[in-house]
Amino acid sequence: MKYFFCQLTSPRPTFMIDIERGRAATHGPARCVLVGVGSAIAFGPVADPQGGYGVAVIAAPEAAAVRELSTHDPVILADAGLSYAIHPMPQVVLGERPQSR
C-alpha cells in the first residue's frame, strides 16, 4: 500500500465561504466513507492563518486511484474552483489508529 498527501485548495484565501459550506455538506460524509473502508487515514480542515485548506492522507495502491477518488468528491463535482494537489509520501509512520469522533 502507498500513501498520499492530498491538499484541497480554494481559488480564494477565504476557504469554505457560505456557498462552499453548502457543498461541503456532502463532502464530509463522502470522506467518512473512505475512513470506514480504510482508504482515508485522516482528513479535515486546516486553520492556516494564511488561508484555510483541506487535507487528507489516503492509502491506495497507486496515485491513479487517489486521483480517481478526488474527481468524485462532491466539492470538485460542484465546479466551484476548488482543486486537489496530490503528493506521494515516500515514508509513513502509522501509530495506533484512534477511534473517530
N, C-alpha and C. Protein backbone atom coordinates (compact mmCIF):
# COMPACT_ATOMS: atom_id res chain seq x y z
N MET A 1 0.84 -1.17 0.00
CA MET A 1 0.00 0.00 0.00
C MET A 1 0.89 1.24 0.00
N LYS A 2 0.48 2.26 -0.73
CA LYS A 2 1.19 3.53 -0.79
C LYS A 2 0.33 4.59 -0.11
N TYR A 3 0.97 5.69 0.29
CA TYR A 3 0.26 6.76 0.99
C TYR A 3 0.45 8.07 0.24
N PHE A 4 -0.61 8.90 0.29
CA PHE A 4 -0.62 10.15 -0.45
C PHE A 4 -1.16 11.28 0.41
N PHE A 5 -0.49 12.43 0.33
CA PHE A 5 -0.95 13.66 0.98
C PHE A 5 -1.76 14.43 -0.05
N CYS A 6 -2.99 14.75 0.31
CA CYS A 6 -3.88 15.46 -0.60
C CYS A 6 -4.27 16.79 0.03
N GLN A 7 -4.09 17.86 -0.72
CA GLN A 7 -4.44 19.19 -0.24
C GLN A 7 -5.53 19.76 -1.13
N LEU A 8 -6.66 20.09 -0.51
CA LEU A 8 -7.79 20.68 -1.21
C LEU A 8 -7.72 22.19 -1.02
N THR A 9 -7.56 22.91 -2.11
CA THR A 9 -7.43 24.37 -2.02
C THR A 9 -8.55 25.06 -2.77
N SER A 10 -8.79 26.29 -2.34
CA SER A 10 -9.81 27.14 -2.92
C SER A 10 -9.11 28.21 -3.75
N PRO A 11 -9.80 28.77 -4.74
CA PRO A 11 -9.20 29.86 -5.51
C PRO A 11 -9.14 31.17 -4.72
N ARG A 12 -9.72 31.18 -3.52
CA ARG A 12 -9.72 32.38 -2.67
C ARG A 12 -9.04 32.07 -1.34
N PRO A 13 -8.49 33.10 -0.70
CA PRO A 13 -7.87 32.87 0.62
C PRO A 13 -8.89 32.57 1.70
N THR A 14 -10.16 32.87 1.46
CA THR A 14 -11.21 32.60 2.43
C THR A 14 -11.87 31.27 2.08
N PHE A 15 -11.20 30.20 2.44
CA PHE A 15 -11.68 28.85 2.15
C PHE A 15 -13.00 28.59 2.86
N MET A 16 -13.91 27.92 2.19
CA MET A 16 -15.19 27.50 2.75
C MET A 16 -16.13 28.66 3.07
N ILE A 17 -16.25 29.58 2.12
CA ILE A 17 -17.27 30.63 2.29
C ILE A 17 -18.64 29.96 2.26
N ASP A 18 -19.68 30.70 2.54
CA ASP A 18 -21.01 30.13 2.73
C ASP A 18 -21.45 29.19 1.60
N ILE A 19 -21.26 29.57 0.36
CA ILE A 19 -21.73 28.72 -0.74
C ILE A 19 -20.98 27.39 -0.74
N GLU A 20 -19.68 27.43 -0.40
CA GLU A 20 -18.90 26.20 -0.36
C GLU A 20 -19.30 25.35 0.84
N ARG A 21 -19.69 25.98 1.94
CA ARG A 21 -20.14 25.21 3.10
C ARG A 21 -21.33 24.35 2.74
N GLY A 22 -22.24 24.86 1.93
CA GLY A 22 -23.39 24.07 1.49
C GLY A 22 -22.96 22.87 0.68
N ARG A 23 -22.00 23.06 -0.19
CA ARG A 23 -21.50 21.95 -1.00
C ARG A 23 -20.71 20.97 -0.13
N ALA A 24 -20.07 21.48 0.89
CA ALA A 24 -19.27 20.63 1.77
C ALA A 24 -20.12 19.72 2.63
N ALA A 25 -21.41 19.97 2.70
CA ALA A 25 -22.29 19.10 3.48
C ALA A 25 -22.23 17.66 2.96
N THR A 26 -21.97 17.49 1.67
CA THR A 26 -21.83 16.14 1.12
C THR A 26 -20.38 15.70 1.04
N HIS A 27 -19.45 16.64 1.13
CA HIS A 27 -18.02 16.34 1.08
C HIS A 27 -17.58 15.55 2.31
N GLY A 28 -17.95 16.02 3.51
CA GLY A 28 -17.56 15.36 4.75
C GLY A 28 -18.02 13.92 4.83
N PRO A 29 -19.32 13.65 4.61
CA PRO A 29 -19.77 12.25 4.64
C PRO A 29 -19.07 11.36 3.62
N ALA A 30 -18.75 11.90 2.45
CA ALA A 30 -18.04 11.11 1.45
C ALA A 30 -16.66 10.73 1.96
N ARG A 31 -15.99 11.64 2.65
CA ARG A 31 -14.67 11.34 3.23
C ARG A 31 -14.79 10.32 4.36
N CYS A 32 -15.87 10.39 5.13
CA CYS A 32 -16.08 9.43 6.23
C CYS A 32 -16.22 8.00 5.70
N VAL A 33 -16.82 7.85 4.53
CA VAL A 33 -16.91 6.52 3.92
C VAL A 33 -15.52 5.99 3.64
N LEU A 34 -14.62 6.85 3.17
CA LEU A 34 -13.25 6.41 2.90
C LEU A 34 -12.53 5.98 4.17
N VAL A 35 -12.79 6.67 5.28
CA VAL A 35 -12.22 6.27 6.56
C VAL A 35 -12.73 4.88 6.93
N GLY A 36 -14.02 4.66 6.73
CA GLY A 36 -14.63 3.38 7.08
C GLY A 36 -14.05 2.20 6.31
N VAL A 37 -13.68 2.42 5.06
CA VAL A 37 -13.10 1.33 4.27
C VAL A 37 -11.58 1.28 4.37
N GLY A 38 -11.00 2.20 5.14
CA GLY A 38 -9.57 2.17 5.37
C GLY A 38 -8.74 2.97 4.40
N SER A 39 -9.36 3.61 3.41
CA SER A 39 -8.59 4.38 2.43
C SER A 39 -8.07 5.69 2.99
N ALA A 40 -8.92 6.39 3.76
CA ALA A 40 -8.51 7.67 4.35
C ALA A 40 -7.95 7.41 5.74
N ILE A 41 -6.71 7.79 5.94
CA ILE A 41 -6.07 7.65 7.24
C ILE A 41 -6.51 8.80 8.13
N ALA A 42 -6.58 9.99 7.55
CA ALA A 42 -7.03 11.19 8.27
C ALA A 42 -7.46 12.22 7.24
N PHE A 43 -8.41 13.06 7.63
CA PHE A 43 -8.79 14.19 6.79
C PHE A 43 -9.46 15.25 7.64
N GLY A 44 -9.44 16.48 7.13
CA GLY A 44 -10.11 17.57 7.83
C GLY A 44 -9.61 18.91 7.37
N PRO A 45 -10.26 19.98 7.86
CA PRO A 45 -9.84 21.33 7.50
C PRO A 45 -8.61 21.75 8.29
N VAL A 46 -7.81 22.62 7.70
CA VAL A 46 -6.63 23.17 8.35
C VAL A 46 -6.86 24.67 8.52
N ALA A 47 -6.74 25.14 9.76
CA ALA A 47 -6.96 26.56 10.07
C ALA A 47 -5.63 27.31 9.95
N ASP A 48 -5.15 27.46 8.73
CA ASP A 48 -3.91 28.17 8.47
C ASP A 48 -4.21 29.66 8.44
N PRO A 49 -3.49 30.48 9.22
CA PRO A 49 -3.75 31.92 9.22
C PRO A 49 -3.56 32.57 7.84
N GLN A 50 -2.80 31.93 6.97
CA GLN A 50 -2.59 32.46 5.61
C GLN A 50 -3.74 32.10 4.67
N GLY A 51 -4.64 31.26 5.12
CA GLY A 51 -5.77 30.81 4.30
C GLY A 51 -5.99 29.34 4.53
N GLY A 52 -7.21 28.97 4.87
CA GLY A 52 -7.51 27.58 5.19
C GLY A 52 -7.51 26.69 3.96
N TYR A 53 -7.41 25.41 4.21
CA TYR A 53 -7.48 24.40 3.16
C TYR A 53 -7.84 23.07 3.80
N GLY A 54 -8.15 22.10 3.00
CA GLY A 54 -8.44 20.77 3.48
C GLY A 54 -7.28 19.85 3.24
N VAL A 55 -7.14 18.84 4.08
CA VAL A 55 -6.05 17.90 3.93
C VAL A 55 -6.58 16.48 4.15
N ALA A 56 -5.99 15.54 3.44
CA ALA A 56 -6.30 14.12 3.64
C ALA A 56 -5.03 13.32 3.42
N VAL A 57 -4.88 12.27 4.19
CA VAL A 57 -3.84 11.27 3.95
C VAL A 57 -4.59 10.01 3.53
N ILE A 58 -4.30 9.55 2.32
CA ILE A 58 -5.03 8.44 1.71
C ILE A 58 -4.09 7.27 1.46
N ALA A 59 -4.56 6.07 1.78
CA ALA A 59 -3.84 4.84 1.45
C ALA A 59 -4.46 4.27 0.17
N ALA A 60 -3.62 3.99 -0.80
CA ALA A 60 -4.11 3.46 -2.07
C ALA A 60 -2.97 2.70 -2.76
N PRO A 61 -3.32 1.80 -3.66
CA PRO A 61 -2.27 1.05 -4.35
C PRO A 61 -1.43 1.92 -5.30
N GLU A 62 -2.05 2.93 -5.90
CA GLU A 62 -1.36 3.80 -6.85
C GLU A 62 -1.97 5.19 -6.83
N ALA A 63 -1.21 6.18 -7.32
CA ALA A 63 -1.69 7.56 -7.38
C ALA A 63 -2.94 7.70 -8.24
N ALA A 64 -3.06 6.88 -9.27
CA ALA A 64 -4.23 6.95 -10.14
C ALA A 64 -5.52 6.71 -9.36
N ALA A 65 -5.47 5.83 -8.38
CA ALA A 65 -6.66 5.56 -7.56
C ALA A 65 -7.04 6.78 -6.73
N VAL A 66 -6.06 7.52 -6.24
CA VAL A 66 -6.33 8.72 -5.46
C VAL A 66 -6.89 9.82 -6.36
N ARG A 67 -6.32 9.96 -7.55
CA ARG A 67 -6.85 10.94 -8.50
C ARG A 67 -8.30 10.62 -8.85
N GLU A 68 -8.59 9.35 -9.01
CA GLU A 68 -9.96 8.93 -9.32
C GLU A 68 -10.90 9.29 -8.17
N LEU A 69 -10.49 9.03 -6.93
CA LEU A 69 -11.30 9.41 -5.76
C LEU A 69 -11.54 10.91 -5.72
N SER A 70 -10.50 11.69 -5.98
CA SER A 70 -10.63 13.14 -5.88
C SER A 70 -11.57 13.70 -6.93
N THR A 71 -11.64 13.09 -8.10
CA THR A 71 -12.54 13.60 -9.15
C THR A 71 -14.01 13.37 -8.80
N HIS A 72 -14.29 12.46 -7.87
CA HIS A 72 -15.67 12.19 -7.47
C HIS A 72 -16.06 12.89 -6.18
N ASP A 73 -15.19 13.71 -5.63
CA ASP A 73 -15.51 14.46 -4.42
C ASP A 73 -16.61 15.46 -4.76
N PRO A 74 -17.67 15.54 -3.94
CA PRO A 74 -18.77 16.47 -4.24
C PRO A 74 -18.34 17.92 -4.42
N VAL A 75 -17.32 18.39 -3.69
CA VAL A 75 -16.91 19.79 -3.87
C VAL A 75 -16.18 19.99 -5.20
N ILE A 76 -15.58 18.95 -5.74
CA ILE A 76 -14.96 19.04 -7.07
C ILE A 76 -16.05 18.98 -8.13
N LEU A 77 -17.00 18.07 -7.95
CA LEU A 77 -18.10 17.95 -8.91
C LEU A 77 -18.95 19.21 -8.97
N ALA A 78 -18.97 20.00 -7.89
CA ALA A 78 -19.74 21.24 -7.87
C ALA A 78 -19.11 22.32 -8.75
N ASP A 79 -17.88 22.09 -9.22
CA ASP A 79 -17.19 23.01 -10.13
C ASP A 79 -17.14 24.44 -9.57
N ALA A 80 -16.72 24.54 -8.30
CA ALA A 80 -16.64 25.85 -7.64
C ALA A 80 -15.22 26.40 -7.62
N GLY A 81 -14.32 25.77 -8.35
CA GLY A 81 -12.95 26.27 -8.42
C GLY A 81 -12.00 25.65 -7.44
N LEU A 82 -12.48 24.70 -6.61
CA LEU A 82 -11.58 24.02 -5.69
C LEU A 82 -10.78 22.98 -6.44
N SER A 83 -9.59 22.66 -5.94
CA SER A 83 -8.76 21.66 -6.61
C SER A 83 -7.91 20.91 -5.61
N TYR A 84 -7.50 19.72 -6.00
CA TYR A 84 -6.62 18.89 -5.19
C TYR A 84 -5.20 18.91 -5.73
N ALA A 85 -4.25 18.96 -4.83
CA ALA A 85 -2.85 18.65 -5.13
C ALA A 85 -2.58 17.33 -4.43
N ILE A 86 -2.08 16.35 -5.16
CA ILE A 86 -1.86 15.02 -4.60
C ILE A 86 -0.37 14.71 -4.68
N HIS A 87 0.21 14.38 -3.53
CA HIS A 87 1.65 14.13 -3.44
C HIS A 87 1.92 12.78 -2.77
N PRO A 88 2.80 11.96 -3.36
CA PRO A 88 3.16 10.70 -2.71
C PRO A 88 3.97 10.97 -1.44
N MET A 89 3.81 10.11 -0.46
CA MET A 89 4.56 10.18 0.79
C MET A 89 5.53 9.00 0.80
N PRO A 90 6.83 9.26 0.59
CA PRO A 90 7.79 8.16 0.50
C PRO A 90 7.91 7.33 1.77
N GLN A 91 7.66 7.95 2.92
CA GLN A 91 7.71 7.23 4.19
C GLN A 91 6.53 7.65 5.05
N VAL A 92 5.94 6.70 5.73
CA VAL A 92 4.83 6.98 6.62
C VAL A 92 5.02 6.16 7.89
N VAL A 93 4.84 6.80 9.02
CA VAL A 93 4.86 6.11 10.31
C VAL A 93 3.43 6.11 10.81
N LEU A 94 2.88 4.94 11.00
CA LEU A 94 1.50 4.82 11.46
C LEU A 94 1.49 4.37 12.91
N GLY A 95 0.77 5.10 13.74
CA GLY A 95 0.56 4.69 15.11
C GLY A 95 -0.74 3.94 15.22
N GLU A 96 -1.13 3.62 16.42
CA GLU A 96 -2.42 3.01 16.64
C GLU A 96 -3.48 3.99 16.22
N ARG A 97 -4.45 3.53 15.46
CA ARG A 97 -5.50 4.43 14.95
C ARG A 97 -6.51 4.71 16.04
N PRO A 98 -6.66 6.00 16.39
CA PRO A 98 -7.66 6.37 17.40
C PRO A 98 -9.07 6.18 16.85
N GLN A 99 -10.02 6.07 17.74
CA GLN A 99 -11.42 5.97 17.34
C GLN A 99 -11.85 7.32 16.77
N SER A 100 -12.55 7.31 15.64
CA SER A 100 -13.01 8.56 15.05
C SER A 100 -14.17 9.11 15.86
N ARG A 101 -14.32 10.42 15.80
CA ARG A 101 -15.39 11.09 16.56
C ARG A 101 -16.54 11.40 15.68
